[in-house]
Amino acid sequence: MNKYIKNGIRLGWLIDRKNRQVHIYHPSQSPVIQSFNTKLSVEDVLVGFELDLKQIF
């Protein structure tokens, strides 16, 4: 993920299906880990987009 951030991405999600977690990466911030019991929102990158992980995994 660090390589992608260095090349300009504004958001990265690393989805860990085995542990039912998602690692959320933003430039200049430490990764945040959330469980699949949440909805992911990316208002700062894509207005109106929301991903409900409970529905797809």
Protein backbone atom coordinates (compact mmCIF):
# COMPACT_ATOMS: atom_id res chain seq x y z
CA MET A 1 0.00 0.00 0.00
CA ASN A 2 2.86 2.38 0.74
CA LYS A 3 3.94 2.18 -2.90
CA TYR A 4 0.46 3.18 -4.06
CA ILE A 5 0.32 6.09 -1.61
CA LYS A 6 3.74 7.31 -2.75
CA ASN A 7 2.36 7.32 -6.31
CA GLY A 8 -0.59 9.53 -5.40
CA ILE A 9 -3.61 7.49 -4.35
CA ARG A 10 -5.84 9.20 -1.81
CA LEU A 11 -7.34 6.06 -0.31
CA GLY A 12 -6.50 2.36 -0.15
CA TRP A 13 -8.46 -0.55 1.29
CA LEU A 14 -6.78 -3.86 2.07
CA ILE A 15 -9.58 -6.37 2.65
CA ASP A 16 -8.64 -9.31 4.87
CA ARG A 17 -11.43 -11.84 4.40
CA LYS A 18 -9.86 -14.45 6.67
CA ASN A 19 -9.84 -12.16 9.71
CA ARG A 20 -12.91 -10.20 8.56
CA GLN A 21 -11.11 -6.86 8.71
CA VAL A 22 -10.36 -4.01 6.37
CA HIS A 23 -7.20 -1.92 6.64
CA ILE A 24 -7.82 1.65 5.50
CA TYR A 25 -4.88 3.70 4.20
CA HIS A 26 -4.75 7.47 3.71
CA PRO A 27 -1.66 9.52 2.86
CA SER A 28 0.20 10.89 5.92
CA GLN A 29 -1.86 8.79 8.36
CA SER A 30 -1.41 5.47 10.10
CA PRO A 31 -3.63 2.67 8.75
CA VAL A 32 -6.98 2.19 10.48
CA ILE A 33 -8.36 -1.32 10.98
CA GLN A 34 -12.11 -1.90 11.01
CA SER A 35 -14.23 -5.02 11.24
CA PHE A 36 -16.65 -6.22 8.60
CA ASN A 37 -19.52 -5.07 10.85
CA THR A 38 -19.24 -1.56 9.48
CA LYS A 39 -20.08 0.47 6.41
CA LEU A 40 -17.14 2.10 4.69
CA SER A 41 -17.68 5.65 3.53
CA VAL A 42 -15.24 7.63 1.42
CA GLU A 43 -16.89 11.04 1.30
CA ASP A 44 -13.51 12.79 0.99
CA VAL A 45 -12.65 10.78 -2.15
CA LEU A 46 -15.95 9.68 -3.75
CA VAL A 47 -19.02 11.59 -2.56
CA GLY A 48 -22.01 9.37 -1.83
CA PHE A 49 -20.15 6.06 -2.04
CA GLU A 50 -20.67 3.60 0.81
CA LEU A 51 -19.68 -0.07 1.02
CA ASP A 52 -21.50 -2.34 3.49
CA LEU A 53 -19.07 -5.19 4.04
CA LYS A 54 -21.69 -7.30 5.85
CA GLN A 55 -23.66 -7.60 2.62
CA ILE A 56 -20.83 -8.86 0.42
CA PHE A 57 -18.69 -11.04 2.68
